[in-house]
N, C-alpha and C. Protein backbone atom coordinates (compact mmCIF):
# COMPACT_ATOMS: atom_id res chain seq x y z
N UNK A 1 -13.13 14.25 4.39
CA UNK A 1 -14.22 13.53 5.10
C UNK A 1 -13.70 13.12 6.46
N UNK A 2 -14.45 13.39 7.50
CA UNK A 2 -14.07 13.00 8.84
C UNK A 2 -14.35 11.52 9.04
N UNK A 3 -13.64 10.95 10.04
CA UNK A 3 -13.89 9.52 10.34
C UNK A 3 -15.33 9.28 10.75
N UNK A 4 -15.91 10.21 11.46
CA UNK A 4 -17.29 10.06 11.91
C UNK A 4 -18.23 9.95 10.73
N UNK A 5 -17.90 10.67 9.64
CA UNK A 5 -18.82 10.60 8.46
C UNK A 5 -18.82 9.21 7.85
N UNK A 6 -17.74 8.46 7.97
CA UNK A 6 -17.71 7.08 7.46
C UNK A 6 -18.66 6.19 8.33
N UNK A 7 -18.64 6.43 9.62
CA UNK A 7 -19.57 5.70 10.51
C UNK A 7 -20.99 6.07 10.17
N UNK A 8 -21.26 7.36 9.98
CA UNK A 8 -22.59 7.82 9.64
C UNK A 8 -23.07 7.19 8.32
N UNK A 9 -22.17 7.08 7.34
CA UNK A 9 -22.52 6.45 6.07
C UNK A 9 -22.89 4.99 6.27
N UNK A 10 -22.11 4.28 7.09
CA UNK A 10 -22.42 2.86 7.33
C UNK A 10 -23.74 2.68 8.08
N UNK A 11 -24.09 3.65 8.92
CA UNK A 11 -25.33 3.55 9.70
C UNK A 11 -26.54 4.18 8.96
N UNK A 12 -26.39 4.50 7.73
CA UNK A 12 -27.54 5.08 6.96
C UNK A 12 -28.34 3.97 6.31
N UNK A 13 -29.55 4.29 5.86
CA UNK A 13 -30.41 3.27 5.21
C UNK A 13 -29.76 2.77 3.91
N UNK A 14 -29.93 1.50 3.62
CA UNK A 14 -29.47 0.94 2.33
C UNK A 14 -30.56 1.09 1.28
N UNK A 15 -30.33 0.49 0.09
CA UNK A 15 -31.27 0.65 -1.01
C UNK A 15 -32.68 0.16 -0.70
N UNK A 16 -32.82 -0.74 0.30
CA UNK A 16 -34.14 -1.23 0.64
C UNK A 16 -34.85 -0.30 1.66
N UNK A 17 -34.13 0.71 2.13
CA UNK A 17 -34.70 1.65 3.09
C UNK A 17 -34.49 1.27 4.52
N UNK A 18 -33.85 0.08 4.79
CA UNK A 18 -33.59 -0.33 6.17
C UNK A 18 -32.18 0.06 6.54
N UNK A 19 -31.93 0.16 7.86
CA UNK A 19 -30.62 0.46 8.36
C UNK A 19 -30.06 -0.84 8.90
N UNK A 20 -29.12 -1.46 8.14
CA UNK A 20 -28.61 -2.78 8.57
C UNK A 20 -27.51 -2.71 9.64
N UNK A 21 -26.85 -1.58 9.81
CA UNK A 21 -25.72 -1.51 10.72
C UNK A 21 -26.15 -0.82 12.01
N UNK A 22 -25.92 -1.56 13.12
CA UNK A 22 -26.27 -1.01 14.43
C UNK A 22 -25.06 -0.33 15.09
N UNK A 23 -23.87 -0.93 14.91
CA UNK A 23 -22.67 -0.40 15.54
C UNK A 23 -21.53 -0.45 14.51
N UNK A 24 -20.59 0.45 14.60
CA UNK A 24 -19.47 0.49 13.62
C UNK A 24 -18.27 1.13 14.26
N UNK A 25 -17.12 0.75 13.71
CA UNK A 25 -15.83 1.30 14.17
C UNK A 25 -14.82 1.23 13.04
N UNK A 26 -13.85 2.17 13.13
CA UNK A 26 -12.69 2.14 12.24
C UNK A 26 -11.45 2.21 13.14
N UNK A 27 -10.56 1.23 12.99
CA UNK A 27 -9.40 1.13 13.82
C UNK A 27 -8.13 1.07 13.02
N UNK A 28 -7.09 1.77 13.50
CA UNK A 28 -5.80 1.77 12.82
C UNK A 28 -5.09 0.45 13.09
N UNK A 29 -4.39 -0.07 12.11
CA UNK A 29 -3.69 -1.38 12.27
C UNK A 29 -2.18 -1.27 12.00
N UNK A 30 -1.66 -0.06 11.80
CA UNK A 30 -0.21 0.11 11.60
C UNK A 30 0.50 -0.41 12.85
N UNK A 31 1.47 -1.36 12.70
CA UNK A 31 2.13 -1.90 13.87
C UNK A 31 2.69 -0.87 14.81
N UNK A 32 2.37 -1.03 16.08
CA UNK A 32 2.79 -0.09 17.12
C UNK A 32 1.84 1.08 17.30
N UNK A 33 0.89 1.25 16.40
CA UNK A 33 -0.06 2.37 16.46
C UNK A 33 -1.51 1.90 16.41
N UNK A 34 -1.76 0.63 16.79
CA UNK A 34 -3.10 0.10 16.75
C UNK A 34 -3.97 0.86 17.73
N UNK A 35 -5.11 1.36 17.24
CA UNK A 35 -6.03 2.08 18.09
C UNK A 35 -7.40 2.25 17.42
N UNK A 36 -8.40 2.59 18.20
CA UNK A 36 -9.71 2.88 17.67
C UNK A 36 -9.72 4.34 17.22
N UNK A 37 -9.98 4.57 15.93
CA UNK A 37 -10.00 5.94 15.42
C UNK A 37 -11.36 6.57 15.63
N UNK A 38 -12.43 5.79 15.47
CA UNK A 38 -13.79 6.28 15.66
C UNK A 38 -14.68 5.04 15.89
N UNK A 39 -15.66 5.22 16.72
CA UNK A 39 -16.61 4.10 16.92
C UNK A 39 -17.94 4.60 17.50
N UNK A 40 -18.93 3.78 17.33
CA UNK A 40 -20.22 4.01 18.02
C UNK A 40 -20.06 3.50 19.42
N UNK A 41 -20.92 3.88 20.35
CA UNK A 41 -20.77 3.48 21.77
C UNK A 41 -20.64 1.96 21.96
N UNK A 42 -21.34 1.18 21.18
CA UNK A 42 -21.33 -0.30 21.38
C UNK A 42 -20.02 -0.97 21.00
N UNK A 43 -19.17 -0.28 20.28
CA UNK A 43 -17.84 -0.87 19.92
C UNK A 43 -16.67 -0.10 20.51
N UNK A 44 -16.90 0.74 21.47
CA UNK A 44 -15.81 1.51 22.08
C UNK A 44 -14.83 0.66 22.86
N UNK A 45 -15.24 -0.56 23.23
CA UNK A 45 -14.41 -1.42 24.03
C UNK A 45 -13.44 -2.30 23.26
N UNK A 46 -13.27 -2.03 21.97
CA UNK A 46 -12.32 -2.82 21.16
C UNK A 46 -10.91 -2.58 21.70
N UNK A 47 -10.21 -3.70 21.96
CA UNK A 47 -8.85 -3.60 22.54
C UNK A 47 -7.78 -3.62 21.46
N UNK A 48 -6.60 -3.16 21.84
CA UNK A 48 -5.46 -3.19 20.96
C UNK A 48 -5.15 -4.61 20.49
N UNK A 49 -5.25 -5.57 21.43
CA UNK A 49 -5.02 -6.95 21.12
C UNK A 49 -6.02 -7.48 20.04
N UNK A 50 -7.29 -7.10 20.20
CA UNK A 50 -8.28 -7.49 19.23
C UNK A 50 -7.95 -6.86 17.86
N UNK A 51 -7.56 -5.59 17.86
CA UNK A 51 -7.23 -4.93 16.59
C UNK A 51 -6.06 -5.63 15.93
N UNK A 52 -5.00 -5.94 16.67
CA UNK A 52 -3.84 -6.66 16.16
C UNK A 52 -4.26 -7.97 15.50
N UNK A 53 -5.09 -8.74 16.16
CA UNK A 53 -5.52 -10.03 15.63
C UNK A 53 -6.36 -9.87 14.37
N UNK A 54 -7.29 -8.91 14.36
CA UNK A 54 -8.11 -8.67 13.19
C UNK A 54 -7.28 -8.21 12.00
N UNK A 55 -6.26 -7.42 12.25
CA UNK A 55 -5.42 -6.90 11.16
C UNK A 55 -4.28 -7.81 10.73
N UNK A 56 -4.11 -8.91 11.49
CA UNK A 56 -2.97 -9.83 11.20
C UNK A 56 -3.21 -10.68 9.94
N UNK A 57 -2.09 -11.10 9.36
CA UNK A 57 -2.19 -12.03 8.22
C UNK A 57 -2.50 -13.43 8.73
N UNK A 58 -2.15 -13.73 9.97
CA UNK A 58 -2.40 -15.05 10.55
C UNK A 58 -3.70 -15.05 11.34
N UNK A 59 -4.77 -15.49 10.71
CA UNK A 59 -6.07 -15.57 11.38
C UNK A 59 -6.50 -17.03 11.55
N UNK A 60 -5.51 -17.93 11.53
CA UNK A 60 -5.77 -19.37 11.56
C UNK A 60 -6.54 -19.78 12.82
N UNK A 61 -6.37 -19.08 13.95
CA UNK A 61 -7.06 -19.43 15.18
C UNK A 61 -8.52 -19.08 15.13
N UNK A 62 -8.96 -18.22 14.24
CA UNK A 62 -10.35 -17.77 14.18
C UNK A 62 -11.30 -18.95 13.90
N UNK A 63 -10.88 -19.87 13.03
CA UNK A 63 -11.80 -20.99 12.72
C UNK A 63 -12.08 -21.87 13.93
N UNK A 64 -11.09 -22.07 14.77
CA UNK A 64 -11.23 -22.90 15.98
C UNK A 64 -11.78 -22.11 17.20
N UNK A 65 -11.19 -20.91 17.42
CA UNK A 65 -11.45 -20.20 18.63
C UNK A 65 -12.34 -18.97 18.44
N UNK A 66 -12.61 -18.60 17.23
CA UNK A 66 -13.38 -17.39 16.97
C UNK A 66 -12.54 -16.15 17.10
N UNK A 67 -13.14 -14.99 16.81
CA UNK A 67 -12.52 -13.70 16.98
C UNK A 67 -13.26 -12.93 18.01
N UNK A 68 -12.60 -11.99 18.67
CA UNK A 68 -13.24 -11.18 19.69
C UNK A 68 -13.30 -9.73 19.22
N UNK A 69 -14.41 -9.09 19.36
CA UNK A 69 -14.57 -7.70 19.01
C UNK A 69 -15.29 -7.04 20.17
N UNK A 70 -14.54 -6.13 20.86
CA UNK A 70 -15.12 -5.46 22.02
C UNK A 70 -15.48 -6.43 23.12
N UNK A 71 -14.76 -7.52 23.22
CA UNK A 71 -15.00 -8.54 24.24
C UNK A 71 -16.03 -9.56 23.87
N UNK A 72 -16.70 -9.39 22.74
CA UNK A 72 -17.75 -10.30 22.32
C UNK A 72 -17.12 -11.37 21.38
N UNK A 73 -17.36 -12.61 21.72
CA UNK A 73 -16.80 -13.69 20.89
C UNK A 73 -17.68 -13.82 19.63
N UNK A 74 -17.00 -13.95 18.51
CA UNK A 74 -17.66 -14.12 17.20
C UNK A 74 -17.12 -15.36 16.55
N UNK A 75 -18.01 -16.11 15.90
CA UNK A 75 -17.48 -17.27 15.13
C UNK A 75 -17.29 -16.86 13.69
N UNK A 76 -16.29 -17.49 13.12
CA UNK A 76 -15.94 -17.19 11.74
C UNK A 76 -16.94 -17.83 10.76
N UNK A 77 -17.48 -17.07 9.86
CA UNK A 77 -18.34 -17.58 8.80
C UNK A 77 -17.52 -17.70 7.53
N UNK A 78 -16.81 -16.65 7.20
CA UNK A 78 -16.02 -16.65 5.92
C UNK A 78 -14.84 -15.70 6.08
N UNK A 79 -13.66 -16.14 5.64
CA UNK A 79 -12.44 -15.31 5.67
C UNK A 79 -12.03 -15.04 4.23
N UNK A 80 -12.30 -13.82 3.79
CA UNK A 80 -11.86 -13.36 2.45
C UNK A 80 -11.05 -12.09 2.62
N UNK A 81 -10.38 -11.97 3.77
CA UNK A 81 -9.63 -10.75 4.13
C UNK A 81 -8.51 -10.50 3.14
N UNK A 82 -7.90 -11.55 2.60
CA UNK A 82 -6.80 -11.36 1.66
C UNK A 82 -7.23 -11.52 0.21
N UNK A 83 -8.53 -11.58 -0.04
CA UNK A 83 -9.05 -11.80 -1.40
C UNK A 83 -9.50 -10.47 -2.01
N UNK A 84 -8.86 -10.11 -3.11
CA UNK A 84 -9.21 -8.91 -3.82
C UNK A 84 -10.52 -9.19 -4.59
N UNK A 85 -11.45 -8.28 -4.65
CA UNK A 85 -11.56 -6.97 -4.06
C UNK A 85 -12.33 -7.01 -2.73
N UNK A 86 -12.55 -8.19 -2.15
CA UNK A 86 -13.44 -8.31 -0.97
C UNK A 86 -12.81 -7.76 0.31
N UNK A 87 -11.63 -8.28 0.66
CA UNK A 87 -10.90 -7.86 1.86
C UNK A 87 -11.76 -7.82 3.11
N UNK A 88 -12.49 -8.94 3.38
CA UNK A 88 -13.38 -8.93 4.54
C UNK A 88 -13.49 -10.28 5.23
N UNK A 89 -13.82 -10.22 6.53
CA UNK A 89 -14.18 -11.34 7.35
C UNK A 89 -15.66 -11.24 7.63
N UNK A 90 -16.39 -12.33 7.50
CA UNK A 90 -17.78 -12.39 7.90
C UNK A 90 -17.84 -13.21 9.17
N UNK A 91 -18.46 -12.65 10.19
CA UNK A 91 -18.54 -13.25 11.52
C UNK A 91 -19.93 -13.24 12.04
N UNK A 92 -20.19 -14.00 13.09
CA UNK A 92 -21.52 -14.00 13.76
C UNK A 92 -21.23 -13.98 15.26
N UNK A 93 -21.88 -13.10 15.96
CA UNK A 93 -21.67 -13.01 17.44
C UNK A 93 -22.26 -14.22 18.13
N UNK A 94 -21.70 -14.49 19.32
CA UNK A 94 -22.33 -15.49 20.19
C UNK A 94 -23.69 -14.92 20.63
N UNK A 95 -24.58 -15.78 21.03
CA UNK A 95 -25.92 -15.35 21.44
C UNK A 95 -25.85 -14.45 22.67
N UNK A 96 -26.65 -13.38 22.65
CA UNK A 96 -26.71 -12.52 23.83
C UNK A 96 -27.67 -13.10 24.84
N UNK A 97 -27.99 -12.36 25.90
CA UNK A 97 -28.85 -12.83 26.96
C UNK A 97 -30.25 -13.20 26.47
N UNK A 98 -30.70 -12.59 25.37
CA UNK A 98 -32.01 -12.89 24.81
C UNK A 98 -31.96 -13.96 23.71
N UNK A 99 -30.75 -14.50 23.46
CA UNK A 99 -30.61 -15.50 22.48
C UNK A 99 -30.41 -14.99 21.03
N UNK A 100 -30.23 -13.68 20.89
CA UNK A 100 -30.03 -13.10 19.57
C UNK A 100 -28.55 -13.16 19.15
N UNK A 101 -28.35 -13.39 17.86
CA UNK A 101 -27.00 -13.31 17.31
C UNK A 101 -27.02 -12.22 16.26
N UNK A 102 -25.85 -11.66 16.02
CA UNK A 102 -25.73 -10.57 15.06
C UNK A 102 -24.59 -10.78 14.10
N UNK A 103 -24.83 -10.38 12.86
CA UNK A 103 -23.76 -10.51 11.84
C UNK A 103 -22.75 -9.40 12.06
N UNK A 104 -21.49 -9.71 11.79
CA UNK A 104 -20.44 -8.72 11.90
C UNK A 104 -19.58 -8.86 10.65
N UNK A 105 -19.18 -7.75 10.09
CA UNK A 105 -18.28 -7.76 8.96
C UNK A 105 -17.09 -6.90 9.30
N UNK A 106 -15.87 -7.41 9.00
CA UNK A 106 -14.62 -6.65 9.22
C UNK A 106 -13.93 -6.54 7.88
N UNK A 107 -13.75 -5.32 7.39
CA UNK A 107 -13.03 -5.08 6.15
C UNK A 107 -11.66 -4.53 6.49
N UNK A 108 -10.74 -4.73 5.55
CA UNK A 108 -9.33 -4.30 5.79
C UNK A 108 -8.80 -3.45 4.67
N UNK A 109 -8.17 -2.35 5.06
CA UNK A 109 -7.42 -1.53 4.13
C UNK A 109 -5.94 -1.68 4.51
N UNK A 110 -5.06 -0.91 3.91
CA UNK A 110 -3.64 -1.00 4.19
C UNK A 110 -3.37 -0.56 5.63
N UNK A 111 -4.13 0.38 6.14
CA UNK A 111 -3.84 0.97 7.44
C UNK A 111 -4.94 0.84 8.49
N UNK A 112 -6.06 0.21 8.12
CA UNK A 112 -7.18 0.21 9.03
C UNK A 112 -8.06 -1.03 8.86
N UNK A 113 -8.87 -1.33 9.89
CA UNK A 113 -9.95 -2.29 9.75
C UNK A 113 -11.23 -1.51 9.97
N UNK A 114 -12.22 -1.85 9.20
CA UNK A 114 -13.53 -1.23 9.28
C UNK A 114 -14.47 -2.32 9.78
N UNK A 115 -15.16 -2.04 10.88
CA UNK A 115 -15.98 -3.04 11.55
C UNK A 115 -17.43 -2.59 11.61
N UNK A 116 -18.37 -3.48 11.23
CA UNK A 116 -19.76 -3.16 11.33
C UNK A 116 -20.48 -4.34 11.96
N UNK A 117 -21.31 -4.08 12.98
CA UNK A 117 -22.16 -5.08 13.61
C UNK A 117 -23.58 -4.75 13.17
N UNK A 118 -24.27 -5.76 12.64
CA UNK A 118 -25.60 -5.54 12.09
C UNK A 118 -26.66 -5.46 13.15
N UNK A 119 -27.84 -5.07 12.68
CA UNK A 119 -29.03 -5.11 13.50
C UNK A 119 -29.48 -6.59 13.56
N UNK A 120 -30.44 -6.86 14.42
CA UNK A 120 -30.91 -8.24 14.60
C UNK A 120 -31.41 -8.83 13.28
N UNK A 121 -32.08 -8.06 12.45
CA UNK A 121 -32.72 -8.60 11.25
C UNK A 121 -31.87 -8.40 9.97
N UNK A 122 -30.69 -7.79 10.08
CA UNK A 122 -29.85 -7.55 8.92
C UNK A 122 -29.19 -8.81 8.37
N UNK A 123 -29.15 -8.90 7.07
CA UNK A 123 -28.44 -10.05 6.47
C UNK A 123 -26.95 -9.74 6.38
N UNK A 124 -26.16 -10.79 6.27
CA UNK A 124 -24.71 -10.60 6.11
C UNK A 124 -24.39 -9.79 4.90
N UNK A 125 -25.14 -9.96 3.83
CA UNK A 125 -24.91 -9.20 2.58
C UNK A 125 -25.13 -7.72 2.78
N UNK A 126 -26.15 -7.36 3.53
CA UNK A 126 -26.42 -5.93 3.78
C UNK A 126 -25.27 -5.31 4.57
N UNK A 127 -24.78 -6.02 5.59
CA UNK A 127 -23.72 -5.49 6.42
C UNK A 127 -22.41 -5.39 5.60
N UNK A 128 -22.07 -6.48 4.90
CA UNK A 128 -20.83 -6.47 4.13
C UNK A 128 -20.80 -5.42 3.03
N UNK A 129 -21.99 -5.13 2.47
CA UNK A 129 -22.04 -4.10 1.41
C UNK A 129 -21.69 -2.78 1.99
N UNK A 130 -22.13 -2.45 3.19
CA UNK A 130 -21.80 -1.18 3.85
C UNK A 130 -20.28 -1.10 4.08
N UNK A 131 -19.71 -2.18 4.61
CA UNK A 131 -18.26 -2.22 4.88
C UNK A 131 -17.48 -2.12 3.61
N UNK A 132 -17.90 -2.87 2.56
CA UNK A 132 -17.18 -2.87 1.31
C UNK A 132 -17.08 -1.48 0.72
N UNK A 133 -18.16 -0.72 0.77
CA UNK A 133 -18.16 0.65 0.24
C UNK A 133 -17.14 1.56 0.89
N UNK A 134 -17.02 1.44 2.21
CA UNK A 134 -16.04 2.25 2.94
C UNK A 134 -14.61 1.77 2.67
N UNK A 135 -14.43 0.43 2.71
CA UNK A 135 -13.10 -0.12 2.46
C UNK A 135 -12.63 0.23 1.03
N UNK A 136 -13.49 0.12 0.08
CA UNK A 136 -13.15 0.43 -1.31
C UNK A 136 -12.72 1.90 -1.44
N UNK A 137 -13.47 2.79 -0.82
CA UNK A 137 -13.15 4.20 -0.83
C UNK A 137 -11.77 4.47 -0.18
N UNK A 138 -11.52 3.89 0.98
CA UNK A 138 -10.24 4.11 1.70
C UNK A 138 -9.11 3.51 0.87
N UNK A 139 -9.28 2.34 0.30
CA UNK A 139 -8.20 1.72 -0.51
C UNK A 139 -7.88 2.61 -1.72
N UNK A 140 -8.88 3.12 -2.36
CA UNK A 140 -8.65 4.02 -3.50
C UNK A 140 -7.90 5.29 -3.11
N UNK A 141 -8.11 5.72 -1.85
CA UNK A 141 -7.43 6.88 -1.31
C UNK A 141 -6.01 6.57 -0.81
N UNK A 142 -5.58 5.31 -0.97
CA UNK A 142 -4.25 4.91 -0.59
C UNK A 142 -4.11 4.53 0.87
N UNK A 143 -5.21 4.37 1.54
CA UNK A 143 -5.15 4.01 2.97
C UNK A 143 -5.22 2.51 3.10
């Protein structure tokens, strides 16, 4: 399966028939090799520093300062990144120029973070379900 196919899967309709994921990315987190493996255009700006922080065991600053994804500040909703079988961060973007906020879910495997930014009307559960399915598959494959 190509990396793009994982993005396509996350951006497909869920069981309700809606497409909850607007943007997605998969980034490598192996120390010294942090990079974006695949992304949609809206998440191409993810930096190595952002990847390092998302993949780090020390996310203590996220509660106070938030996390950044592609230069967009996100506030922490829930950190279950080290909790089996969840392995995810739930975030919310800062308001855009129109006042809209978007849910973001970041899942973690041994070698990658899987990031999904939801559509305006998507619930956190819809977004995290999409991320969970990809993370679970990659973890079972030893990644």
